Amino acid sequence: MLTKRIIPCLDIRDGRVVKGVNFEGIRDVSDPVEAAAYYNAQGVDELVFYDITATFENRGLFTDLLRRVASQIFIPLTVGGGINSLDDFGRVLGCGADKVSVNSGAVKNPGLIEQAARKYGDQCVVLSMDIKRMDGGFRLFSAGGRTDTGLDAIEWARQAGERGAGELVVNSIDTDGVRNGFDIEMLNAVRAVSSLPIVASGGAGNKEHFLELFENADVDAGLAASIFHFRELEIPVLKAYLAKHGMPVREVR
């Protein structure tokens, strides 16, 4: 079994790390450069950096801030927000990102996934999916969870591998920030149609939720924000707990 990755997420607005509930009620948390340095020292496996209002505000991602964050870490960095073209992929990778996460840009231009995979390699292309339960199914949202695309999220996930994506980040709008656990049913529905690595996001409230995730859903990583940002759960403690219960995790050094 491959090791399970633990990934904190830095949601960035106006140059600060922020966090909300169900993609709303955003509040200030910390400085992103300081947060990146802290997580690097904690022994996380990867870090995600989302400029959460870039698409909504119709602007490019904060590249100066991204360079400063990248300079603080020696772990893989995934970056998203306002990714709408191959030039955006190149700009973000040039600032120190290892992978580029695209959501709204891929909805508007599905061919962007294939183009980016062909130019930069599928290992660089992460398809981020913001999903909400609607009408008995799973609906795909874009623009930071603001826009209902009308697309069936499970079908979109199925197409991702065919289009050239190398990884899926599956974000549950319903469980985001609620801290009652990951949406296992939704994650299993995505896994049923895709063989890509899956990063589960939305709902972590304690270390037990990560164990429940890895025991009941075939995912490769668990992503969280609140419990890590507010120092309610430290990465070494989480990894030790998972290892004690038989989950393969990378050691904290």
Protein backbone atom coordinates (compact mmCIF):
# COMPACT_ATOMS: atom_id res chain seq x y z
CA MET A 1 0.00 0.00 0.00
CA LEU A 2 1.30 3.46 -0.90
CA THR A 3 1.90 5.87 1.94
CA LYS A 4 -0.99 8.15 2.76
CA ARG A 5 -0.20 11.84 2.38
CA ILE A 6 -1.20 14.56 4.84
CA ILE A 7 -1.66 17.96 3.19
CA PRO A 8 -2.48 21.31 4.78
CA CYS A 9 -4.21 23.87 2.56
CA LEU A 10 -3.45 27.59 2.55
CA ASP A 11 -6.48 29.47 1.24
CA ILE A 12 -5.21 32.93 0.35
CA ARG A 13 -7.26 36.12 0.15
CA ASP A 14 -5.72 39.62 0.06
CA GLY A 15 -2.33 38.12 0.86
CA ARG A 16 -3.45 36.34 4.02
CA VAL A 17 -4.36 32.77 4.97
CA VAL A 18 -8.12 32.61 5.60
CA LYS A 19 -10.70 29.95 6.43
CA GLY A 20 -14.47 29.69 6.27
CA VAL A 21 -17.31 27.19 6.60
CA ASN A 22 -19.06 25.78 3.52
CA PHE A 23 -16.93 28.21 1.47
CA GLU A 24 -18.52 31.18 3.33
CA GLY A 25 -17.89 33.24 6.47
CA ILE A 26 -14.21 33.75 5.65
CA ARG A 27 -11.97 34.87 8.53
CA ASP A 28 -8.32 35.78 8.81
CA VAL A 29 -5.90 33.13 10.09
CA SER A 30 -2.22 33.91 9.52
CA ASP A 31 0.63 35.07 7.30
CA PRO A 32 1.13 32.54 4.47
CA VAL A 33 4.94 32.70 4.50
CA GLU A 34 5.06 32.01 8.23
CA ALA A 35 2.47 29.24 7.83
CA ALA A 36 4.49 27.60 5.04
CA ALA A 37 7.63 27.60 7.17
CA TYR A 38 5.72 26.11 10.09
CA TYR A 39 4.26 23.28 8.01
CA ASN A 40 7.60 22.52 6.41
CA ALA A 41 9.06 22.05 9.91
CA GLN A 42 6.05 19.96 10.99
CA GLY A 43 6.80 17.27 8.42
CA VAL A 44 3.81 17.57 6.13
CA ASP A 45 3.97 15.62 2.87
CA GLU A 46 2.81 18.42 0.60
CA LEU A 47 1.35 21.90 0.77
CA VAL A 48 -1.52 23.40 -1.23
CA PHE A 49 -1.73 27.15 -1.97
CA TYR A 50 -5.08 28.44 -3.30
CA ASP A 51 -5.62 32.06 -4.28
CA ILE A 52 -9.35 31.69 -3.61
CA THR A 53 -10.59 34.95 -5.14
CA ALA A 54 -8.39 35.16 -8.25
CA THR A 55 -11.04 33.74 -10.57
CA PHE A 56 -13.92 35.68 -9.00
CA GLU A 57 -11.93 38.93 -9.19
CA ASN A 58 -10.79 38.13 -12.74
CA ARG A 59 -7.09 38.58 -12.02
CA GLY A 60 -3.86 36.61 -12.00
CA LEU A 61 -2.58 34.74 -8.99
CA PHE A 62 -0.35 36.52 -6.44
CA THR A 63 2.99 35.43 -7.89
CA ASP A 64 5.21 37.53 -5.57
CA LEU A 65 3.60 35.93 -2.53
CA LEU A 66 3.85 32.51 -4.15
CA ARG A 67 7.61 32.92 -4.63
CA ARG A 68 8.00 33.81 -0.96
CA VAL A 69 5.97 30.79 0.13
CA ALA A 70 7.90 28.45 -2.18
CA SER A 71 11.19 29.70 -0.76
CA GLN A 72 10.19 28.43 2.70
CA ILE A 73 9.48 24.81 1.88
CA PHE A 74 11.25 21.70 0.64
CA ILE A 75 8.17 19.62 -0.05
CA PRO A 76 5.89 19.41 -3.11
CA LEU A 77 3.76 22.53 -3.58
CA THR A 78 0.43 22.56 -5.45
CA VAL A 79 -0.88 25.96 -6.49
CA GLY A 80 -4.27 27.06 -7.83
CA GLY A 81 -6.42 30.11 -8.42
CA GLY A 82 -7.00 32.03 -11.63
CA ILE A 83 -5.50 29.31 -13.84
CA ASN A 84 -7.03 29.85 -17.27
CA SER A 85 -4.28 29.28 -19.82
CA LEU A 86 -1.01 27.50 -20.57
CA ASP A 87 0.76 30.75 -19.76
CA ASP A 88 -0.77 30.63 -16.27
CA PHE A 89 0.56 27.09 -15.83
CA GLY A 90 4.03 28.20 -16.90
CA ARG A 91 3.99 31.30 -14.69
CA VAL A 92 3.01 29.34 -11.58
CA LEU A 93 5.50 26.54 -12.21
CA GLY A 94 8.16 29.19 -12.76
CA CYS A 95 7.43 30.63 -9.32
CA GLY A 96 8.27 27.36 -7.59
CA ALA A 97 5.12 25.25 -7.79
CA ASP A 98 5.48 21.53 -8.48
CA LYS A 99 1.86 21.01 -9.52
CA VAL A 100 -0.84 23.34 -10.81
CA SER A 101 -4.44 23.00 -9.70
CA VAL A 102 -7.15 24.06 -12.14
CA ASN A 103 -10.91 24.21 -11.61
CA SER A 104 -12.85 27.06 -13.23
CA GLY A 105 -10.37 27.35 -16.11
CA ALA A 106 -10.93 23.69 -17.00
CA VAL A 107 -14.71 24.07 -16.83
CA LYS A 108 -14.53 26.98 -19.27
CA ASN A 109 -11.99 25.23 -21.50
CA PRO A 110 -11.76 21.45 -20.93
CA GLY A 111 -9.05 21.27 -23.57
CA LEU A 112 -6.73 23.14 -21.20
CA ILE A 113 -6.21 19.94 -19.19
CA GLU A 114 -4.90 18.02 -22.18
CA GLN A 115 -2.83 20.96 -23.43
CA ALA A 116 -1.15 21.41 -20.05
CA ALA A 117 -0.51 17.69 -19.64
CA ARG A 118 1.08 17.53 -23.07
CA LYS A 119 3.35 20.52 -22.41
CA TYR A 120 4.27 20.03 -18.76
CA GLY A 121 3.45 16.38 -18.03
CA ASP A 122 0.33 14.97 -16.43
CA GLN A 123 2.10 14.83 -13.05
CA CYS A 124 1.86 18.63 -13.00
CA VAL A 125 -1.86 18.83 -13.74
CA VAL A 126 -4.26 18.64 -10.79
CA LEU A 127 -7.99 18.91 -11.43
CA SER A 128 -9.66 20.48 -8.41
CA MET A 129 -13.37 19.77 -8.00
CA ASP A 130 -15.70 21.72 -5.67
CA ILE A 131 -18.72 19.47 -5.21
CA LYS A 132 -22.12 20.01 -3.59
CA ARG A 133 -24.95 17.54 -3.12
CA MET A 134 -27.95 18.62 -5.18
CA ASP A 135 -31.11 16.89 -6.39
CA GLY A 136 -29.92 13.50 -5.17
CA GLY A 137 -26.60 13.76 -7.00
CA PHE A 138 -23.28 15.57 -6.94
CA ARG A 139 -22.98 18.92 -8.73
CA LEU A 140 -19.74 20.61 -9.79
CA PHE A 141 -19.20 24.23 -8.75
CA SER A 142 -16.61 26.74 -9.92
CA ALA A 143 -15.34 30.24 -9.00
CA GLY A 144 -14.48 29.22 -5.44
CA GLY A 145 -17.81 27.47 -4.92
CA ARG A 146 -19.86 30.46 -6.10
CA THR A 147 -21.05 29.19 -9.48
CA ASP A 148 -23.16 26.12 -10.18
CA THR A 149 -21.74 24.77 -13.44
CA GLY A 150 -24.69 22.45 -14.01
CA LEU A 151 -22.21 19.63 -14.59
CA ASP A 152 -22.48 16.23 -12.94
CA ALA A 153 -19.38 16.02 -10.75
CA ILE A 154 -18.97 12.26 -11.04
CA GLU A 155 -19.03 12.40 -14.84
CA TRP A 156 -16.51 15.27 -14.75
CA ALA A 157 -14.25 13.13 -12.57
CA ARG A 158 -14.56 10.25 -15.02
CA GLN A 159 -13.45 12.49 -17.89
CA ALA A 160 -10.47 13.88 -15.99
CA GLY A 161 -8.15 10.95 -16.67
CA GLU A 162 -9.16 10.79 -20.31
CA ARG A 163 -8.32 14.48 -20.68
CA GLY A 164 -4.87 14.05 -19.12
CA ALA A 165 -5.14 15.10 -15.48
CA GLY A 166 -2.67 13.45 -13.13
CA GLU A 167 -4.52 13.90 -9.85
CA LEU A 168 -7.91 14.92 -8.43
CA VAL A 169 -8.52 17.14 -5.43
CA VAL A 170 -12.09 16.45 -4.36
CA ASN A 171 -13.50 19.24 -2.20
CA SER A 172 -16.85 18.77 -0.46
CA ILE A 173 -18.64 22.12 -0.11
CA ASP A 174 -21.15 20.50 2.25
CA THR A 175 -18.53 19.37 4.76
CA ASP A 176 -16.01 22.22 4.32
CA GLY A 177 -15.09 23.65 7.73
CA VAL A 178 -17.89 21.73 9.47
CA ARG A 179 -15.45 19.26 11.07
CA ASN A 180 -17.81 16.29 11.16
CA GLY A 181 -15.70 14.09 8.93
CA PHE A 182 -14.99 13.64 5.24
CA ASP A 183 -17.76 12.83 2.77
CA ILE A 184 -16.90 9.16 2.32
CA GLU A 185 -19.87 8.43 0.06
CA MET A 186 -18.91 11.19 -2.35
CA LEU A 187 -15.26 10.12 -2.41
CA ASN A 188 -16.20 6.52 -3.14
CA ALA A 189 -18.48 7.68 -5.96
CA VAL A 190 -15.52 9.49 -7.52
CA ARG A 191 -13.23 6.50 -7.01
CA ALA A 192 -15.73 4.25 -8.77
CA VAL A 193 -15.17 6.15 -12.03
CA SER A 194 -11.51 7.19 -11.75
CA SER A 195 -8.18 5.48 -11.14
CA LEU A 196 -6.34 8.78 -10.61
CA PRO A 197 -4.79 9.63 -7.24
CA ILE A 198 -7.43 11.35 -5.11
CA VAL A 199 -6.85 14.01 -2.46
CA ALA A 200 -9.85 14.24 -0.12
CA SER A 201 -10.78 17.68 1.18
CA GLY A 202 -13.46 19.02 3.48
CA GLY A 203 -14.64 17.94 6.91
CA ALA A 204 -11.62 16.97 9.02
CA GLY A 205 -12.20 17.76 12.68
CA ASN A 206 -9.91 15.35 14.51
CA LYS A 207 -7.35 12.62 13.95
CA GLU A 208 -10.05 9.95 13.99
CA HIS A 209 -11.58 11.46 10.87
CA PHE A 210 -8.36 10.83 8.95
CA LEU A 211 -8.30 7.21 10.05
CA GLU A 212 -11.97 6.84 9.06
CA LEU A 213 -11.12 8.37 5.69
CA PHE A 214 -8.26 6.03 4.90
CA GLU A 215 -10.07 2.95 6.19
CA ASN A 216 -13.28 3.57 4.27
CA ALA A 217 -12.32 5.42 1.10
CA ASP A 218 -9.67 4.51 -1.46
CA VAL A 219 -7.94 7.88 -1.47
CA ASP A 220 -4.28 8.81 -1.53
CA ALA A 221 -4.25 11.85 0.73
CA GLY A 222 -6.23 13.83 3.26
CA LEU A 223 -6.25 17.61 3.03
CA ALA A 224 -7.33 19.94 5.82
CA ALA A 225 -7.01 23.51 6.98
CA SER A 226 -8.75 24.60 10.20
CA ILE A 227 -7.50 21.93 12.57
CA PHE A 228 -3.93 22.45 11.36
CA HIS A 229 -4.02 26.25 11.14
CA PHE A 230 -5.37 26.67 14.68
CA ARG A 231 -2.85 24.13 16.03
CA GLU A 232 -5.61 21.81 17.24
CA LEU A 233 -3.85 18.84 15.67
CA GLU A 234 -0.14 18.70 14.93
CA ILE A 235 1.16 16.70 11.99
CA PRO A 236 3.55 14.46 14.03
CA VAL A 237 0.70 13.54 16.39
CA LEU A 238 -1.60 12.70 13.48
CA LYS A 239 1.01 10.62 11.70
CA ALA A 240 1.91 8.72 14.87
CA TYR A 241 -1.78 7.95 15.43
CA LEU A 242 -2.28 6.73 11.86
CA ALA A 243 0.88 4.58 12.00
CA LYS A 244 -0.27 3.06 15.29
CA HIS A 245 -3.47 1.98 13.54
CA GLY A 246 -1.69 0.40 10.60
CA MET A 247 -1.82 3.23 8.08
CA PRO A 248 1.36 3.67 6.00
CA VAL A 249 2.61 7.24 6.44
CA ARG A 250 5.94 8.94 5.87
CA GLU A 251 7.94 9.42 9.05
CA VAL A 252 8.37 12.91 10.45
CA ARG A 253 12.07 13.76 10.61
